[in-house]
Amino acid sequence: MNAPVSLNVEEIENPYTEPPANTAVSPTRFTWQDPELIPPRDWLYGRHLMRGIVSLTVAPGGVGKSSLMVVQALELASGRQLLGHSVGAPSRVWLFNLEDDRDELQRRVAAAMKHHGLDPGAIGDRLFLDSGLDQELLLASERRDDLFLNEAVFRRLEEEIRREKIDVVIIDPFVSAHQVNEADNGKIDRIAKHLARLCKDCNCSIELVHHTRKLNGTDVTSEASRGASSLLAAARSSRTIQKVSEKDRREWGVADDKGTYFFVERDKANLAHSGGREVYRTVSVALGQGDDVAVVERFEPPDVFDGVSLAHLLQAQHAIDGKEFRYSCQSERWVGNVVAPILGLDSKKNKARIKKMVDTWISNGALLKTTTRINSRETPIVVVGEWANE
């Protein structure tokens, strides 16, 4: 994989300059154009990355966002749908990870290629991989209270994007690409607008990976991104990454899996429908030299009733009939302990799934939840409702 010319700011003479003031502002009269003659949006990756716009991925730490970026870059470079998104023709991708060293990036790319069945010919010379530990990417800084955009680095970025015909630039994470108070809306807005202008001028897409603030147990949203809201405002598409809850993992029967499971959801979609929530997981891939590396793959959660037939329900009803099994899963006589062996499930490992199944049967009338007096207390039990008809 080729590496671009160094962007180390020490090599650039006088990198800090004030942007020139623009006074040439005038109104442009609207002219009708046949809609069929308007160029269509040039999507590069699903409905998230598009030429000419900045996109944002927001996630807390340790969820798998950098591993996701690696597979996404390989999808784009190969033109293959590894995670289920449309990618079109192979693209030229520049992945700039500002936290990990080059060896770690090489491990991640190699593991992802091995797991997803990509050989070097599949990506050709279209992937560019750089570490912020090898060359600094500093877009802006501040002195006292003034913002200094690093115009020399922006020019170098433009030169390299044009020279290598880069389609997508991924900067992971954005916070490491500047030395500015990230809560300052005005300063972050100017950096984001400069990146947006770079997208337009170079006809490319830029993806910024961004951290959330401390969530204290709340769900991840783009609005929960750390720092200034102007970054989200400048992005035309934003998606979030959130770890799957233990409750969901138990319901899916993967509670004992050591991999990381996470949701990806586009919650800001100015240019296209946001689509549904997607589920991914990490799997461990052995490189053959002693290292195991986490690789992201798509995961389809099983339906609660996968593999369950009407015959299973009828068997469960016969086993339950007249026995006064308890509704509470805390009881030794929980009805789920009777249902589990009929379905070939472990009642402990699949407790959440079985409970949801029983609740569904209660809601559709196949079972009934009622009470009976046991040891002088009203106790919820499950009885047969309308018998299943095979």
Protein backbone atom coordinates (compact mmCIF):
# COMPACT_ATOMS: atom_id res chain seq x y z
CA MET A 1 0.00 0.00 0.00
CA ASN A 2 1.44 3.35 -1.04
CA ALA A 3 1.82 6.12 1.52
CA PRO A 4 1.23 9.79 0.65
CA VAL A 5 3.80 12.52 1.03
CA SER A 6 4.42 13.44 4.66
CA LEU A 7 2.08 16.00 6.22
CA ASN A 8 4.36 16.70 9.18
CA VAL A 9 3.75 20.35 10.00
CA GLU A 10 7.39 20.91 10.94
CA GLU A 11 8.25 20.58 7.25
CA ILE A 12 5.87 23.37 6.24
CA GLU A 13 7.09 26.95 6.45
CA ASN A 14 4.85 29.34 8.40
CA PRO A 15 1.78 27.08 8.59
CA TYR A 16 -0.41 29.47 10.60
CA THR A 17 -2.14 32.16 8.59
CA GLU A 18 -5.33 34.18 8.89
CA PRO A 19 -7.92 33.29 6.24
CA PRO A 20 -8.50 36.12 3.75
CA ALA A 21 -11.71 38.11 4.23
CA ASN A 22 -14.29 37.48 1.49
CA THR A 23 -16.23 40.61 0.48
CA ALA A 24 -17.56 39.36 -2.89
CA VAL A 25 -21.11 38.56 -1.76
CA SER A 26 -24.03 39.05 -4.15
CA PRO A 27 -27.42 37.37 -4.80
CA THR A 28 -27.76 34.72 -7.52
CA ARG A 29 -31.06 34.65 -9.33
CA PHE A 30 -32.85 31.27 -9.41
CA THR A 31 -33.15 29.68 -12.86
CA TRP A 32 -35.52 26.77 -13.42
CA GLN A 33 -33.88 23.51 -14.46
CA ASP A 34 -35.57 20.30 -15.54
CA PRO A 35 -35.20 17.95 -12.50
CA GLU A 36 -34.18 15.07 -14.76
CA LEU A 37 -31.19 17.11 -15.90
CA ILE A 38 -29.93 17.81 -12.37
CA PRO A 39 -26.92 15.57 -11.62
CA PRO A 40 -27.84 12.83 -9.11
CA ARG A 41 -26.13 12.69 -5.74
CA ASP A 42 -22.88 10.75 -5.97
CA TRP A 43 -23.14 8.29 -3.07
CA LEU A 44 -19.98 6.33 -2.26
CA TYR A 45 -21.06 4.25 0.72
CA GLY A 46 -24.72 3.46 1.33
CA ARG A 47 -26.50 6.70 2.15
CA HIS A 48 -23.78 7.91 4.51
CA LEU A 49 -20.76 8.96 2.42
CA MET A 50 -21.23 11.19 -0.60
CA ARG A 51 -18.91 13.26 -2.72
CA GLY A 52 -18.77 16.87 -1.64
CA ILE A 53 -19.93 16.43 1.97
CA VAL A 54 -18.54 15.87 5.45
CA SER A 55 -20.00 12.89 7.35
CA LEU A 56 -19.72 12.10 11.04
CA THR A 57 -19.53 8.89 13.08
CA VAL A 58 -20.16 9.41 16.80
CA ALA A 59 -19.34 6.76 19.41
CA PRO A 60 -18.08 6.27 22.96
CA GLY A 61 -14.67 4.71 23.46
CA GLY A 62 -14.04 0.99 23.20
CA VAL A 63 -17.07 0.10 21.09
CA GLY A 64 -15.32 -0.86 17.84
CA LYS A 65 -15.46 2.30 15.73
CA SER A 66 -11.86 2.10 14.51
CA SER A 67 -12.31 -1.56 13.55
CA LEU A 68 -15.49 -0.56 11.71
CA MET A 69 -13.56 2.15 9.83
CA VAL A 70 -11.00 -0.42 8.66
CA VAL A 71 -13.64 -2.73 7.17
CA GLN A 72 -15.49 0.25 5.69
CA ALA A 73 -12.25 1.39 4.01
CA LEU A 74 -11.74 -2.11 2.59
CA GLU A 75 -15.32 -2.17 1.29
CA LEU A 76 -14.72 1.10 -0.53
CA ALA A 77 -11.30 0.13 -1.89
CA SER A 78 -12.48 -3.28 -3.10
CA GLY A 79 -15.97 -2.29 -4.23
CA ARG A 80 -17.32 -5.33 -2.35
CA GLN A 81 -20.22 -5.34 0.10
CA LEU A 82 -18.61 -6.76 3.23
CA LEU A 83 -21.12 -5.20 5.66
CA GLY A 84 -24.17 -5.03 3.43
CA HIS A 85 -23.88 -1.46 2.12
CA SER A 86 -23.87 -0.44 -1.53
CA VAL A 87 -20.39 0.73 -2.51
CA GLY A 88 -20.46 0.99 -6.29
CA ALA A 89 -17.17 0.95 -8.18
CA PRO A 90 -13.93 0.60 -6.16
CA SER A 91 -12.87 3.90 -4.57
CA ARG A 92 -9.53 5.32 -3.50
CA VAL A 93 -9.52 5.66 0.28
CA TRP A 94 -7.18 7.46 2.67
CA LEU A 95 -7.56 6.16 6.24
CA PHE A 96 -5.75 8.45 8.67
CA ASN A 97 -5.81 6.95 12.17
CA LEU A 98 -4.37 9.42 14.66
CA GLU A 99 -4.23 7.10 17.69
CA ASP A 100 -2.73 3.74 16.66
CA ASP A 101 0.73 3.04 15.33
CA ARG A 102 1.36 1.67 11.84
CA ASP A 103 1.99 -1.92 13.03
CA GLU A 104 -1.40 -2.01 14.75
CA LEU A 105 -3.09 -0.60 11.64
CA GLN A 106 -1.37 -3.25 9.51
CA ARG A 107 -2.64 -5.96 11.89
CA ARG A 108 -6.21 -4.67 11.67
CA VAL A 109 -6.19 -4.43 7.89
CA ALA A 110 -4.58 -7.87 7.49
CA ALA A 111 -7.07 -9.49 9.89
CA ALA A 112 -10.06 -7.84 8.20
CA MET A 113 -8.86 -8.90 4.74
CA LYS A 114 -8.32 -12.47 5.96
CA HIS A 115 -11.72 -12.70 7.62
CA HIS A 116 -13.64 -11.17 4.72
CA GLY A 117 -11.78 -13.10 2.02
CA LEU A 118 -9.91 -10.23 0.35
CA ASP A 119 -6.54 -10.75 -1.31
CA PRO A 120 -4.18 -7.85 -2.10
CA GLY A 121 -5.41 -7.77 -5.69
CA ALA A 122 -8.92 -6.91 -4.46
CA ILE A 123 -7.77 -3.52 -3.16
CA GLY A 124 -4.89 -2.89 -5.55
CA ASP A 125 -3.28 0.50 -4.94
CA ARG A 126 -6.49 2.13 -3.77
CA LEU A 127 -5.96 2.06 0.02
CA PHE A 128 -3.75 4.63 1.76
CA LEU A 129 -3.03 4.01 5.43
CA ASP A 130 -1.40 6.47 7.82
CA SER A 131 -0.79 6.79 11.54
CA GLY A 132 -0.79 10.05 13.45
CA LEU A 133 2.18 8.67 15.38
CA ASP A 134 4.24 8.74 12.18
CA GLN A 135 3.08 12.03 10.74
CA GLU A 136 1.10 14.71 12.49
CA LEU A 137 -2.16 15.97 11.01
CA LEU A 138 -2.81 19.38 12.58
CA LEU A 139 -5.67 21.28 10.95
CA ALA A 140 -5.86 24.18 13.39
CA SER A 141 -4.63 25.51 16.71
CA GLU A 142 -5.25 28.50 18.92
CA ARG A 143 -2.94 31.08 20.40
CA ARG A 144 -4.33 32.92 23.35
CA ASP A 145 -7.93 33.14 22.20
CA ASP A 146 -7.41 33.33 18.44
CA LEU A 147 -7.97 30.51 15.93
CA PHE A 148 -5.21 29.78 13.45
CA LEU A 149 -6.23 27.53 10.58
CA ASN A 150 -3.26 25.57 9.28
CA GLU A 151 -3.70 26.68 5.67
CA ALA A 152 -0.47 24.97 4.61
CA VAL A 153 -1.77 21.58 5.76
CA PHE A 154 -5.14 22.18 4.08
CA ARG A 155 -3.25 22.99 0.86
CA ARG A 156 -1.14 19.85 1.23
CA LEU A 157 -4.25 17.77 1.84
CA GLU A 158 -5.79 19.18 -1.31
CA GLU A 159 -2.62 18.49 -3.31
CA GLU A 160 -2.41 14.88 -2.09
CA ILE A 161 -6.13 14.20 -2.60
CA ARG A 162 -5.88 15.50 -6.15
CA ARG A 163 -2.57 13.77 -6.89
CA GLU A 164 -3.72 10.35 -5.69
CA LYS A 165 -7.32 10.90 -6.88
CA ILE A 166 -8.63 10.14 -3.37
CA ASP A 167 -12.39 9.58 -3.16
CA VAL A 168 -12.80 9.19 0.63
CA VAL A 169 -10.72 10.54 3.52
CA ILE A 170 -11.35 9.07 7.00
CA ILE A 171 -9.94 11.00 9.98
CA ASP A 172 -10.08 8.95 13.18
CA PRO A 173 -10.56 10.66 15.62
CA PHE A 174 -11.29 14.28 14.76
CA VAL A 175 -10.23 15.55 18.19
CA SER A 176 -6.63 14.52 17.46
CA ALA A 177 -6.57 16.57 14.24
CA HIS A 178 -6.68 19.97 15.97
CA GLN A 179 -5.54 21.80 19.09
CA VAL A 180 -8.63 23.94 19.61
CA ASN A 181 -11.13 24.15 22.45
CA GLU A 182 -13.61 21.58 21.14
CA ALA A 183 -16.48 23.31 22.97
CA ASP A 184 -15.98 26.56 21.03
CA ASN A 185 -18.74 26.57 18.40
CA GLY A 186 -17.22 29.35 16.32
CA LYS A 187 -13.78 27.79 16.03
CA ILE A 188 -14.97 24.25 15.39
CA ASP A 189 -17.42 25.60 12.81
CA ARG A 190 -14.58 27.25 10.88
CA ILE A 191 -12.56 24.02 10.85
CA ALA A 192 -15.59 22.01 9.74
CA LYS A 193 -16.45 24.54 7.02
CA HIS A 194 -12.87 24.39 5.75
CA LEU A 195 -13.15 20.59 5.51
CA ALA A 196 -16.51 20.92 3.75
CA ARG A 197 -14.91 23.30 1.24
CA LEU A 198 -12.11 20.78 0.71
CA CYS A 199 -14.74 18.13 -0.08
CA LYS A 200 -16.35 20.38 -2.67
CA ASP A 201 -13.11 21.51 -4.27
CA CYS A 202 -11.71 17.97 -4.52
CA ASN A 203 -15.03 16.23 -5.22
CA CYS A 204 -14.37 13.78 -2.39
CA SER A 205 -16.02 12.67 0.86
CA ILE A 206 -14.55 13.21 4.33
CA GLU A 207 -15.58 11.06 7.29
CA LEU A 208 -14.82 12.37 10.79
CA VAL A 209 -14.85 9.92 13.69
CA HIS A 210 -15.85 11.68 16.90
CA HIS A 211 -16.23 10.75 20.57
CA THR A 212 -19.29 11.22 22.74
CA ARG A 213 -19.31 13.08 26.01
CA LYS A 214 -19.92 11.10 29.21
CA LEU A 215 -23.34 9.51 28.75
CA ASN A 216 -24.12 8.30 32.30
CA GLY A 217 -26.18 5.40 30.98
CA THR A 218 -28.15 7.34 28.35
CA ASP A 219 -28.39 6.29 24.71
CA VAL A 220 -25.86 7.50 22.15
CA THR A 221 -27.13 10.23 19.83
CA SER A 222 -25.29 12.59 17.50
CA GLU A 223 -26.32 15.41 19.84
CA ALA A 224 -24.34 13.61 22.55
CA SER A 225 -21.11 14.15 20.62
CA ARG A 226 -18.38 15.79 22.63
CA GLY A 227 -17.80 19.51 22.33
CA ALA A 228 -19.34 22.05 19.97
CA SER A 229 -22.65 21.37 18.24
CA SER A 230 -21.37 23.19 15.14
CA LEU A 231 -19.50 20.05 14.07
CA LEU A 232 -22.75 18.11 13.84
CA ALA A 233 -24.38 21.07 12.09
CA ALA A 234 -21.68 21.06 9.40
CA ALA A 235 -22.02 17.32 8.72
CA ARG A 236 -24.71 16.38 6.21
CA SER A 237 -24.88 12.80 7.49
CA SER A 238 -24.20 11.53 10.99
CA ARG A 239 -24.43 8.08 12.50
CA THR A 240 -23.98 6.73 16.01
CA ILE A 241 -22.43 3.60 17.44
CA GLN A 242 -23.85 2.13 20.65
CA LYS A 243 -22.98 -1.02 22.51
CA VAL A 244 -25.70 -3.66 22.62
CA SER A 245 -27.17 -4.12 26.09
CA GLU A 246 -26.69 -7.29 28.11
CA LYS A 247 -30.46 -7.76 27.99
CA ASP A 248 -30.41 -7.89 24.19
CA ARG A 249 -27.42 -10.23 24.18
CA ARG A 250 -29.22 -12.61 26.50
CA GLU A 251 -32.34 -12.47 24.35
CA TRP A 252 -30.26 -13.27 21.26
CA GLY A 253 -28.50 -16.14 23.02
CA VAL A 254 -25.01 -14.57 22.72
CA ALA A 255 -24.46 -13.52 26.33
CA ASP A 256 -21.39 -15.77 26.62
CA ASP A 257 -19.81 -14.55 23.36
CA LYS A 258 -16.62 -12.59 24.11
CA GLY A 259 -17.06 -10.35 21.06
CA THR A 260 -18.37 -6.79 21.15
CA TYR A 261 -21.88 -6.28 19.77
CA PHE A 262 -22.97 -2.80 18.73
CA PHE A 263 -25.71 -0.91 16.92
CA VAL A 264 -25.07 1.59 14.11
CA GLU A 265 -27.83 4.08 13.36
CA ARG A 266 -27.95 7.18 11.17
CA ASP A 267 -29.76 9.77 13.23
CA LYS A 268 -28.95 12.78 11.06
CA ALA A 269 -29.76 12.26 7.40
CA ASN A 270 -30.20 15.57 5.61
CA LEU A 271 -29.88 14.09 2.14
CA ALA A 272 -31.54 10.66 2.31
CA HIS A 273 -33.76 8.47 4.51
CA SER A 274 -31.90 7.38 7.62
CA GLY A 275 -32.72 3.68 7.32
CA GLY A 276 -32.97 1.23 10.19
CA ARG A 277 -30.71 0.28 13.05
CA GLU A 278 -27.94 -2.13 12.05
CA VAL A 279 -26.21 -4.65 14.31
CA TYR A 280 -22.52 -5.58 14.13
CA ARG A 281 -20.15 -7.66 16.19
CA THR A 282 -16.42 -8.22 16.47
CA VAL A 283 -14.89 -11.64 15.95
CA SER A 284 -11.37 -12.71 16.81
CA VAL A 285 -9.10 -13.47 13.85
CA ALA A 286 -5.73 -15.19 14.27
CA LEU A 287 -2.96 -13.74 12.08
CA GLY A 288 -0.80 -16.84 12.37
CA GLN A 289 2.13 -15.15 14.16
CA GLY A 290 0.60 -15.23 17.65
CA ASP A 291 -1.72 -12.22 17.42
CA ASP A 292 -5.51 -12.30 17.52
CA VAL A 293 -7.24 -9.20 16.15
CA ALA A 294 -10.87 -8.06 16.45
CA VAL A 295 -12.63 -7.72 13.09
CA VAL A 296 -16.10 -6.28 12.51
CA GLU A 297 -18.82 -8.23 10.70
CA ARG A 298 -22.57 -7.76 10.23
CA PHE A 299 -24.83 -9.62 12.67
CA GLU A 300 -28.47 -10.51 12.18
CA PRO A 301 -30.18 -10.96 15.56
CA PRO A 302 -32.26 -14.13 15.64
CA ASP A 303 -36.01 -13.80 15.79
CA VAL A 304 -37.43 -14.91 19.13
CA PHE A 305 -39.41 -17.63 17.36
CA ASP A 306 -36.70 -18.86 14.99
CA GLY A 307 -37.04 -22.65 14.81
CA VAL A 308 -40.24 -22.67 16.87
CA SER A 309 -43.28 -24.32 15.29
CA LEU A 310 -46.94 -24.69 16.14
CA ALA A 311 -46.14 -28.24 17.21
CA HIS A 312 -43.72 -26.87 19.82
CA LEU A 313 -46.46 -24.62 21.18
CA LEU A 314 -48.87 -27.55 21.40
CA GLN A 315 -46.27 -29.62 23.28
CA ALA A 316 -45.69 -26.72 25.66
CA GLN A 317 -49.41 -26.34 26.28
CA HIS A 318 -49.76 -30.06 27.12
CA ALA A 319 -46.77 -29.81 29.50
CA ILE A 320 -48.24 -26.71 31.20
CA ASP A 321 -51.89 -27.81 31.38
CA GLY A 322 -53.13 -28.20 34.97
CA LYS A 323 -49.67 -27.81 36.57
CA GLU A 324 -49.84 -24.22 37.89
CA PHE A 325 -46.33 -23.26 36.77
CA ARG A 326 -45.19 -19.85 37.93
CA TYR A 327 -45.00 -16.77 35.73
CA SER A 328 -41.99 -15.35 37.61
CA CYS A 329 -38.65 -16.44 36.17
CA GLN A 330 -37.22 -16.22 39.71
CA SER A 331 -39.27 -19.22 40.82
CA GLU A 332 -37.96 -22.80 40.68
CA ARG A 333 -41.32 -23.70 39.12
CA TRP A 334 -40.98 -21.04 36.40
CA VAL A 335 -42.95 -22.02 33.29
CA GLY A 336 -39.85 -21.35 31.17
CA ASN A 337 -38.11 -24.34 32.74
CA VAL A 338 -40.82 -26.50 31.16
CA VAL A 339 -40.77 -24.74 27.78
CA ALA A 340 -36.96 -24.76 27.38
CA PRO A 341 -36.34 -28.52 26.90
CA ILE A 342 -39.24 -28.74 24.42
CA LEU A 343 -37.45 -26.14 22.29
CA GLY A 344 -33.97 -27.57 22.87
CA LEU A 345 -32.85 -24.47 24.76
CA ASP A 346 -30.91 -23.90 27.97
CA SER A 347 -33.32 -22.14 30.34
CA LYS A 348 -30.51 -20.20 32.04
CA LYS A 349 -28.62 -19.04 28.95
CA ASN A 350 -31.82 -18.26 27.03
CA LYS A 351 -33.92 -16.90 29.90
CA ALA A 352 -34.63 -13.54 28.21
CA ARG A 353 -35.65 -15.18 24.94
CA ILE A 354 -37.93 -17.75 26.62
CA LYS A 355 -39.53 -15.08 28.79
CA LYS A 356 -40.30 -12.98 25.71
CA MET A 357 -41.73 -16.07 23.99
CA VAL A 358 -44.01 -16.83 26.94
CA ASP A 359 -45.15 -13.19 27.04
CA THR A 360 -45.95 -13.34 23.31
CA TRP A 361 -48.00 -16.51 23.76
CA ILE A 362 -49.84 -14.78 26.61
CA SER A 363 -50.51 -11.70 24.47
CA ASN A 364 -51.98 -13.79 21.62
CA GLY A 365 -54.09 -15.95 23.94
CA ALA A 366 -52.28 -19.28 23.57
CA LEU A 367 -51.40 -19.00 27.27
CA LEU A 368 -53.07 -17.03 30.05
CA LYS A 369 -51.56 -15.28 33.02
CA THR A 370 -53.72 -15.61 36.11
CA THR A 371 -53.27 -15.93 39.87
CA THR A 372 -53.81 -18.63 42.45
CA ARG A 373 -53.49 -18.62 46.22
CA ILE A 374 -50.31 -20.38 47.33
CA ASN A 375 -49.22 -20.25 50.97
CA SER A 376 -51.84 -17.57 51.64
CA ARG A 377 -50.52 -15.33 48.86
CA GLU A 378 -51.85 -14.53 45.40
CA THR A 379 -49.22 -15.91 43.04
CA PRO A 380 -49.08 -15.29 39.25
CA ILE A 381 -49.23 -18.53 37.26
CA VAL A 382 -49.49 -19.50 33.60
CA VAL A 383 -52.29 -21.70 32.29
CA VAL A 384 -53.37 -22.85 28.82
CA GLY A 385 -55.55 -20.45 26.86
CA GLU A 386 -56.71 -21.28 23.35
CA TRP A 387 -55.28 -24.59 22.25
CA ALA A 388 -53.00 -24.60 19.25
CA ASN A 389 -54.44 -26.34 16.16
CA GLU A 390 -51.82 -28.17 14.14
